[in-house]
PDB file of N, CA and C in Angstrom:
ATOM      1  N   MET A   1      22.498   3.243 -13.421  1.00  0.00           N
ATOM      2  CA  MET A   1      21.497   2.296 -13.002  1.00  0.00           C
ATOM      3  C   MET A   1      22.220   1.065 -12.459  1.00  0.00           C
ATOM      4  N   GLY A   2      21.750   0.582 -11.316  1.00  0.00           N
ATOM      5  CA  GLY A   2      22.332  -0.609 -10.717  1.00  0.00           C
ATOM      6  C   GLY A   2      21.845  -1.865 -11.425  1.00  0.00           C
ATOM      7  N   ALA A   3      22.525  -2.942 -11.178  1.00  0.00           N
ATOM      8  CA  ALA A   3      22.157  -4.227 -11.773  1.00  0.00           C
ATOM      9  C   ALA A   3      22.095  -5.275 -10.683  1.00  0.00           C
ATOM     10  N   ILE A   4      21.217  -6.260 -10.884  1.00  0.00           N
ATOM     11  CA  ILE A   4      21.126  -7.381  -9.958  1.00  0.00           C
ATOM     12  C   ILE A   4      21.135  -8.673 -10.752  1.00  0.00           C
ATOM     13  N   SER A   5      21.532  -9.716 -10.087  1.00  0.00           N
ATOM     14  CA  SER A   5      21.448 -11.050 -10.660  1.00  0.00           C
ATOM     15  C   SER A   5      20.268 -11.722  -9.982  1.00  0.00           C
ATOM     16  N   LEU A   6      19.386 -12.310 -10.765  1.00  0.00           N
ATOM     17  CA  LEU A   6      18.143 -12.841 -10.224  1.00  0.00           C
ATOM     18  C   LEU A   6      17.951 -14.273 -10.691  1.00  0.00           C
ATOM     19  N   LYS A   7      17.784 -15.170  -9.760  1.00  0.00           N
ATOM     20  CA  LYS A   7      17.508 -16.561 -10.104  1.00  0.00           C
ATOM     21  C   LYS A   7      16.020 -16.806  -9.897  1.00  0.00           C
ATOM     22  N   LEU A   8      15.367 -17.285 -10.959  1.00  0.00           N
ATOM     23  CA  LEU A   8      13.936 -17.554 -10.902  1.00  0.00           C
ATOM     24  C   LEU A   8      13.686 -19.008 -11.269  1.00  0.00           C
ATOM     25  N   PRO A   9      12.640 -19.595 -10.708  1.00  0.00           N
ATOM     26  CA  PRO A   9      12.257 -20.939 -11.153  1.00  0.00           C
ATOM     27  C   PRO A   9      11.934 -20.911 -12.652  1.00  0.00           C
ATOM     28  N   ASP A  10      12.186 -22.012 -13.325  1.00  0.00           N
ATOM     29  CA  ASP A  10      11.997 -22.060 -14.782  1.00  0.00           C
ATOM     30  C   ASP A  10      10.592 -21.658 -15.208  1.00  0.00           C
ATOM     31  N   ASP A  11       9.584 -22.121 -14.482  1.00  0.00           N
ATOM     32  CA  ASP A  11       8.212 -21.793 -14.877  1.00  0.00           C
ATOM     33  C   ASP A  11       7.924 -20.296 -14.750  1.00  0.00           C
ATOM     34  N   LEU A  12       8.441 -19.661 -13.712  1.00  0.00           N
ATOM     35  CA  LEU A  12       8.247 -18.222 -13.540  1.00  0.00           C
ATOM     36  C   LEU A  12       9.010 -17.439 -14.611  1.00  0.00           C
ATOM     37  N   LEU A  13      10.180 -17.901 -14.928  1.00  0.00           N
ATOM     38  CA  LEU A  13      10.973 -17.272 -15.976  1.00  0.00           C
ATOM     39  C   LEU A  13      10.266 -17.371 -17.328  1.00  0.00           C
ATOM     40  N   GLU A  14       9.733 -18.533 -17.625  1.00  0.00           N
ATOM     41  CA  GLU A  14       9.029 -18.728 -18.892  1.00  0.00           C
ATOM     42  C   GLU A  14       7.759 -17.872 -18.959  1.00  0.00           C
ATOM     43  N   MET A  15       7.005 -17.833 -17.872  1.00  0.00           N
ATOM     44  CA  MET A  15       5.787 -17.019 -17.847  1.00  0.00           C
ATOM     45  C   MET A  15       6.128 -15.542 -17.997  1.00  0.00           C
ATOM     46  N   SER A  16       7.197 -15.104 -17.357  1.00  0.00           N
ATOM     47  CA  SER A  16       7.627 -13.707 -17.484  1.00  0.00           C
ATOM     48  C   SER A  16       8.001 -13.394 -18.926  1.00  0.00           C
ATOM     49  N   LYS A  17       8.678 -14.328 -19.558  1.00  0.00           N
ATOM     50  CA  LYS A  17       9.072 -14.138 -20.962  1.00  0.00           C
ATOM     51  C   LYS A  17       7.836 -14.011 -21.851  1.00  0.00           C
ATOM     52  N   ARG A  18       6.866 -14.901 -21.651  1.00  0.00           N
ATOM     53  CA  ARG A  18       5.645 -14.860 -22.476  1.00  0.00           C
ATOM     54  C   ARG A  18       4.852 -13.571 -22.236  1.00  0.00           C
ATOM     55  N   CYS A  19       4.744 -13.171 -20.995  1.00  0.00           N
ATOM     56  CA  CYS A  19       4.008 -11.939 -20.683  1.00  0.00           C
ATOM     57  C   CYS A  19       4.709 -10.719 -21.270  1.00  0.00           C
ATOM     58  N   ALA A  20       6.018 -10.695 -21.164  1.00  0.00           N
ATOM     59  CA  ALA A  20       6.784  -9.577 -21.731  1.00  0.00           C
ATOM     60  C   ALA A  20       6.600  -9.514 -23.242  1.00  0.00           C
ATOM     61  N   GLU A  21       6.645 -10.677 -23.889  1.00  0.00           N
ATOM     62  CA  GLU A  21       6.436 -10.711 -25.345  1.00  0.00           C
ATOM     63  C   GLU A  21       5.054 -10.217 -25.708  1.00  0.00           C
ATOM     64  N   ALA A  22       4.048 -10.606 -24.917  1.00  0.00           N
ATOM     65  CA  ALA A  22       2.673 -10.168 -25.186  1.00  0.00           C
ATOM     66  C   ALA A  22       2.558  -8.651 -25.080  1.00  0.00           C
ATOM     67  N   LEU A  23       3.325  -8.055 -24.168  1.00  0.00           N
ATOM     68  CA  LEU A  23       3.305  -6.605 -24.004  1.00  0.00           C
ATOM     69  C   LEU A  23       4.288  -5.902 -24.929  1.00  0.00           C
ATOM     70  N   ARG A  24       5.063  -6.698 -25.662  1.00  0.00           N
ATOM     71  CA  ARG A  24       6.083  -6.187 -26.579  1.00  0.00           C
ATOM     72  C   ARG A  24       7.126  -5.332 -25.863  1.00  0.00           C
ATOM     73  N   ILE A  25       7.569  -5.845 -24.723  1.00  0.00           N
ATOM     74  CA  ILE A  25       8.648  -5.209 -23.982  1.00  0.00           C
ATOM     75  C   ILE A  25       9.674  -6.283 -23.636  1.00  0.00           C
ATOM     76  N   SER A  26      10.845  -5.855 -23.230  1.00  0.00           N
ATOM     77  CA  SER A  26      11.871  -6.829 -22.851  1.00  0.00           C
ATOM     78  C   SER A  26      11.502  -7.483 -21.518  1.00  0.00           C
ATOM     79  N   ARG A  27      12.081  -8.633 -21.286  1.00  0.00           N
ATOM     80  CA  ARG A  27      11.834  -9.316 -20.017  1.00  0.00           C
ATOM     81  C   ARG A  27      12.353  -8.462 -18.859  1.00  0.00           C
ATOM     82  N   ALA A  28      13.476  -7.792 -19.068  1.00  0.00           N
ATOM     83  CA  ALA A  28      14.013  -6.906 -18.022  1.00  0.00           C
ATOM     84  C   ALA A  28      13.028  -5.774 -17.711  1.00  0.00           C
ATOM     85  N   ALA A  29      12.433  -5.192 -18.738  1.00  0.00           N
ATOM     86  CA  ALA A  29      11.455  -4.121 -18.532  1.00  0.00           C
ATOM     87  C   ALA A  29      10.224  -4.659 -17.806  1.00  0.00           C
ATOM     88  N   TYR A  30       9.823  -5.863 -18.175  1.00  0.00           N
ATOM     89  CA  TYR A  30       8.672  -6.490 -17.520  1.00  0.00           C
ATOM     90  C   TYR A  30       8.945  -6.695 -16.036  1.00  0.00           C
ATOM     91  N   ILE A  31      10.106  -7.229 -15.708  1.00  0.00           N
ATOM     92  CA  ILE A  31      10.467  -7.474 -14.313  1.00  0.00           C
ATOM     93  C   ILE A  31      10.618  -6.150 -13.570  1.00  0.00           C
ATOM     94  N   ARG A  32      11.177  -5.144 -14.211  1.00  0.00           N
ATOM     95  CA  ARG A  32      11.312  -3.812 -13.606  1.00  0.00           C
ATOM     96  C   ARG A  32       9.930  -3.249 -13.261  1.00  0.00           C
ATOM     97  N   ARG A  33       8.978  -3.397 -14.175  1.00  0.00           N
ATOM     98  CA  ARG A  33       7.610  -2.927 -13.908  1.00  0.00           C
ATOM     99  C   ARG A  33       6.988  -3.686 -12.741  1.00  0.00           C
ATOM    100  N   ALA A  34       7.256  -4.989 -12.684  1.00  0.00           N
ATOM    101  CA  ALA A  34       6.716  -5.795 -11.589  1.00  0.00           C
ATOM    102  C   ALA A  34       7.273  -5.325 -10.248  1.00  0.00           C
ATOM    103  N   VAL A  35       8.562  -5.023 -10.206  1.00  0.00           N
ATOM    104  CA  VAL A  35       9.181  -4.536  -8.974  1.00  0.00           C
ATOM    105  C   VAL A  35       8.609  -3.167  -8.612  1.00  0.00           C
ATOM    106  N   GLU A  36       8.448  -2.291  -9.598  1.00  0.00           N
ATOM    107  CA  GLU A  36       7.871  -0.969  -9.345  1.00  0.00           C
ATOM    108  C   GLU A  36       6.461  -1.093  -8.785  1.00  0.00           C
ATOM    109  N   ARG A  37       5.657  -1.982  -9.360  1.00  0.00           N
ATOM    110  CA  ARG A  37       4.284  -2.182  -8.885  1.00  0.00           C
ATOM    111  C   ARG A  37       4.290  -2.709  -7.450  1.00  0.00           C
ATOM    112  N   MET A  38       5.158  -3.661  -7.169  1.00  0.00           N
ATOM    113  CA  MET A  38       5.249  -4.217  -5.815  1.00  0.00           C
ATOM    114  C   MET A  38       5.689  -3.144  -4.827  1.00  0.00           C
ATOM    115  N   ASN A  39       6.613  -2.287  -5.230  1.00  0.00           N
ATOM    116  CA  ASN A  39       7.046  -1.186  -4.367  1.00  0.00           C
ATOM    117  C   ASN A  39       5.891  -0.245  -4.054  1.00  0.00           C
ATOM    118  N   ARG A  40       5.088   0.096  -5.063  1.00  0.00           N
ATOM    119  CA  ARG A  40       3.925   0.972  -4.840  1.00  0.00           C
ATOM    120  C   ARG A  40       2.938   0.316  -3.885  1.00  0.00           C
ATOM    121  N   GLN A  41       2.658  -0.969  -4.090  1.00  0.00           N
ATOM    122  CA  GLN A  41       1.717  -1.677  -3.222  1.00  0.00           C
ATOM    123  C   GLN A  41       2.236  -1.744  -1.789  1.00  0.00           C
ATOM    124  N   THR A  42       3.514  -2.002  -1.642  1.00  0.00           N
ATOM    125  CA  THR A  42       4.107  -2.086  -0.303  1.00  0.00           C
ATOM    126  C   THR A  42       4.042  -0.734   0.399  1.00  0.00           C
ATOM    127  N   ARG A  43       4.379   0.334  -0.328  1.00  0.00           N
ATOM    128  CA  ARG A  43       4.292   1.679   0.269  1.00  0.00           C
ATOM    129  C   ARG A  43       2.863   1.992   0.690  1.00  0.00           C
ATOM    130  N   ALA A  44       1.890   1.622  -0.132  1.00  0.00           N
ATOM    131  CA  ALA A  44       0.485   1.869   0.202  1.00  0.00           C
ATOM    132  C   ALA A  44       0.078   1.079   1.440  1.00  0.00           C
ATOM    133  N   GLN A  45       0.506  -0.158   1.537  1.00  0.00           N
ATOM    134  CA  GLN A  45       0.191  -0.970   2.713  1.00  0.00           C
ATOM    135  C   GLN A  45       0.820  -0.382   3.971  1.00  0.00           C
ATOM    136  N   LEU A  46       2.072   0.038   3.865  1.00  0.00           N
ATOM    137  CA  LEU A  46       2.740   0.642   5.021  1.00  0.00           C
ATOM    138  C   LEU A  46       2.068   1.947   5.434  1.00  0.00           C
ATOM    139  N   ARG A  47       1.655   2.751   4.441  1.00  0.00           N
ATOM    140  CA  ARG A  47       0.964   4.009   4.723  1.00  0.00           C
ATOM    141  C   ARG A  47      -0.368   3.726   5.432  1.00  0.00           C
ATOM    142  N   ALA A  48      -1.103   2.728   4.957  1.00  0.00           N
ATOM    143  CA  ALA A  48      -2.380   2.358   5.580  1.00  0.00           C
ATOM    144  C   ALA A  48      -2.165   1.867   7.010  1.00  0.00           C
ATOM    145  N   LYS A  49      -1.108   1.111   7.214  1.00  0.00           N
ATOM    146  CA  LYS A  49      -0.804   0.612   8.557  1.00  0.00           C
ATOM    147  C   LYS A  49      -0.478   1.764   9.505  1.00  0.00           C
ATOM    148  N   ARG A  50       0.337   2.727   9.035  1.00  0.00           N
ATOM    149  CA  ARG A  50       0.668   3.888   9.867  1.00  0.00           C
ATOM    150  C   ARG A  50      -0.582   4.707  10.190  1.00  0.00           C
ATOM    151  N   LEU A  51      -1.462   4.869   9.212  1.00  0.00           N
ATOM    152  CA  LEU A  51      -2.692   5.624   9.424  1.00  0.00           C
ATOM    153  C   LEU A  51      -3.579   4.919  10.443  1.00  0.00           C
ATOM    154  N   ALA A  52      -3.691   3.596  10.343  1.00  0.00           N
ATOM    155  CA  ALA A  52      -4.502   2.835  11.298  1.00  0.00           C
ATOM    156  C   ALA A  52      -3.927   2.948  12.705  1.00  0.00           C
ATOM    157  N   GLU A  53      -2.602   2.881  12.821  1.00  0.00           N
ATOM    158  CA  GLU A  53      -1.960   3.021  14.134  1.00  0.00           C
ATOM    159  C   GLU A  53      -2.204   4.412  14.714  1.00  0.00           C
ATOM    160  N   ALA A  54      -2.092   5.438  13.890  1.00  0.00           N
ATOM    161  CA  ALA A  54      -2.340   6.805  14.356  1.00  0.00           C
ATOM    162  C   ALA A  54      -3.795   6.965  14.778  1.00  0.00           C
ATOM    163  N   SER A  55      -4.689   6.361  14.019  1.00  0.00           N
ATOM    164  CA  SER A  55      -6.117   6.426  14.341  1.00  0.00           C
ATOM    165  C   SER A  55      -6.401   5.771  15.689  1.00  0.00           C
ATOM    166  N   ARG A  56      -5.773   4.622  15.928  1.00  0.00           N
ATOM    167  CA  ARG A  56      -5.957   3.940  17.221  1.00  0.00           C
ATOM    168  C   ARG A  56      -5.442   4.797  18.374  1.00  0.00           C
ATOM    169  N   LYS A  57      -4.340   5.505  18.135  1.00  0.00           N
ATOM    170  CA  LYS A  57      -3.749   6.330  19.190  1.00  0.00           C
ATOM    171  C   LYS A  57      -4.652   7.495  19.580  1.00  0.00           C
ATOM    172  N   VAL A  58      -5.392   8.054  18.633  1.00  0.00           N
ATOM    173  CA  VAL A  58      -6.225   9.225  18.935  1.00  0.00           C
ATOM    174  C   VAL A  58      -7.698   8.867  19.136  1.00  0.00           C
ATOM    175  N   ARG A  59      -8.036   7.595  19.011  1.00  0.00           N
ATOM    176  CA  ARG A  59      -9.445   7.172  19.098  1.00  0.00           C
ATOM    177  C   ARG A  59     -10.089   7.589  20.423  1.00  0.00           C
ATOM    178  N   LYS A  60      -9.423   7.337  21.542  1.00  0.00           N
ATOM    179  CA  LYS A  60     -10.011   7.627  22.847  1.00  0.00           C
ATOM    180  C   LYS A  60     -10.314   9.118  22.991  1.00  0.00           C
ATOM    181  N   GLU A  61      -9.349   9.953  22.597  1.00  0.00           N
ATOM    182  CA  GLU A  61      -9.555  11.401  22.683  1.00  0.00           C
ATOM    183  C   GLU A  61     -10.671  11.849  21.737  1.00  0.00           C
ATOM    184  N   SER A  62     -10.726  11.279  20.551  1.00  0.00           N
ATOM    185  CA  SER A  62     -11.776  11.633  19.591  1.00  0.00           C
ATOM    186  C   SER A  62     -13.151  11.270  20.141  1.00  0.00           C
ATOM    187  N   MET A  63     -13.265  10.120  20.778  1.00  0.00           N
ATOM    188  CA  MET A  63     -14.550   9.709  21.354  1.00  0.00           C
ATOM    189  C   MET A  63     -14.967  10.666  22.475  1.00  0.00           C
ATOM    190  N   ARG A  64     -13.997  11.124  23.272  1.00  0.00           N
ATOM    191  CA  ARG A  64     -14.312  12.061  24.344  1.00  0.00           C
ATOM    192  C   ARG A  64     -14.826  13.382  23.769  1.00  0.00           C
ATOM    193  N   VAL A  65     -14.162  13.880  22.733  1.00  0.00           N
ATOM    194  CA  VAL A  65     -14.570  15.137  22.096  1.00  0.00           C
ATOM    195  C   VAL A  65     -15.947  14.969  21.452  1.00  0.00           C
ATOM    196  N   ASN A  66     -16.169  13.863  20.792  1.00  0.00           N
ATOM    197  CA  ASN A  66     -17.478  13.607  20.177  1.00  0.00           C
ATOM    198  C   ASN A  66     -18.572  13.573  21.237  1.00  0.00           C
ATOM    199  N   ALA A  67     -18.290  12.971  22.374  1.00  0.00           N
ATOM    200  CA  ALA A  67     -19.276  12.916  23.456  1.00  0.00           C
ATOM    201  C   ALA A  67     -19.588  14.324  23.961  1.00  0.00           C
ATOM    202  N   GLU A  68     -18.572  15.165  24.072  1.00  0.00           N
ATOM    203  CA  GLU A  68     -18.795  16.550  24.502  1.00  0.00           C
ATOM    204  C   GLU A  68     -19.686  17.296  23.518  1.00  0.00           C
ATOM    205  N   PHE A  69     -19.403  17.127  22.213  1.00  0.00           N
ATOM    206  CA  PHE A  69     -20.239  17.786  21.204  1.00  0.00           C
ATOM    207  C   PHE A  69     -21.660  17.255  21.233  1.00  0.00           C
ATOM    208  N   ALA A  70     -21.818  15.965  21.419  1.00  0.00           N
ATOM    209  CA  ALA A  70     -23.163  15.380  21.486  1.00  0.00           C
ATOM    210  C   ALA A  70     -23.929  15.943  22.684  1.00  0.00           C
ATOM    211  N   ALA A  71     -23.253  16.106  23.811  1.00  0.00           N
ATOM    212  CA  ALA A  71     -23.906  16.666  24.999  1.00  0.00           C
ATOM    213  C   ALA A  71     -24.332  18.104  24.738  1.00  0.00           C
ATOM    214  N   ILE A  72     -23.504  18.873  24.064  1.00  0.00           N
ATOM    215  CA  ILE A  72     -23.837  20.269  23.734  1.00  0.00           C
ATOM    216  C   ILE A  72     -25.025  20.304  22.785  1.00  0.00           C
ATOM    217  N   GLU A  73     -25.061  19.426  21.826  1.00  0.00           N
ATOM    218  CA  GLU A  73     -26.183  19.404  20.867  1.00  0.00           C
ATOM    219  C   GLU A  73     -27.485  19.017  21.551  1.00  0.00           C
ATOM    220  N   ARG A  74     -27.427  18.119  22.529  1.00  0.00           N
ATOM    221  CA  ARG A  74     -28.650  17.700  23.255  1.00  0.00           C
ATOM    222  C   ARG A  74     -29.152  18.815  24.161  1.00  0.00           C
ATOM    223  N   ASP A  75     -28.243  19.521  24.809  1.00  0.00           N
ATOM    224  CA  ASP A  75     -28.628  20.561  25.777  1.00  0.00           C
ATOM    225  C   ASP A  75     -27.683  21.754  25.612  1.00  0.00           C
ATOM    226  N   PRO A  76     -27.977  22.631  24.626  1.00  0.00           N
ATOM    227  CA  PRO A  76     -27.076  23.741  24.335  1.00  0.00           C
ATOM    228  C   PRO A  76     -26.921  24.729  25.512  1.00  0.00           C
ATOM    229  N   ASP A  77     -27.817  24.753  26.459  1.00  0.00           N
ATOM    230  CA  ASP A  77     -27.749  25.683  27.596  1.00  0.00           C
ATOM    231  C   ASP A  77     -26.886  25.146  28.731  1.00  0.00           C
ATOM    232  N   ALA A  78     -26.451  23.922  28.626  1.00  0.00           N
ATOM    233  CA  ALA A  78     -25.674  23.316  29.714  1.00  0.00           C
ATOM    234  C   ALA A  78     -24.262  23.795  29.751  1.00  0.00           C
TER     235      ALA A  78
END
């Protein structure tokens, strides 16, 4: 396992200590969980962004296909 040196403002350090104590875990474990949670949130945001970009790329073609299906539904003999 790798190690890092982390400098935090005193108030953030104190709050982290109190929260870790409330959860009955070490401050290192608390900070590790915070980093893991942030990583999950970041991955989810990036995934959502990629999905939105892909959706924008295919939107025009999807609208054309939808219009074709709508025309067929209105006049199936056409």
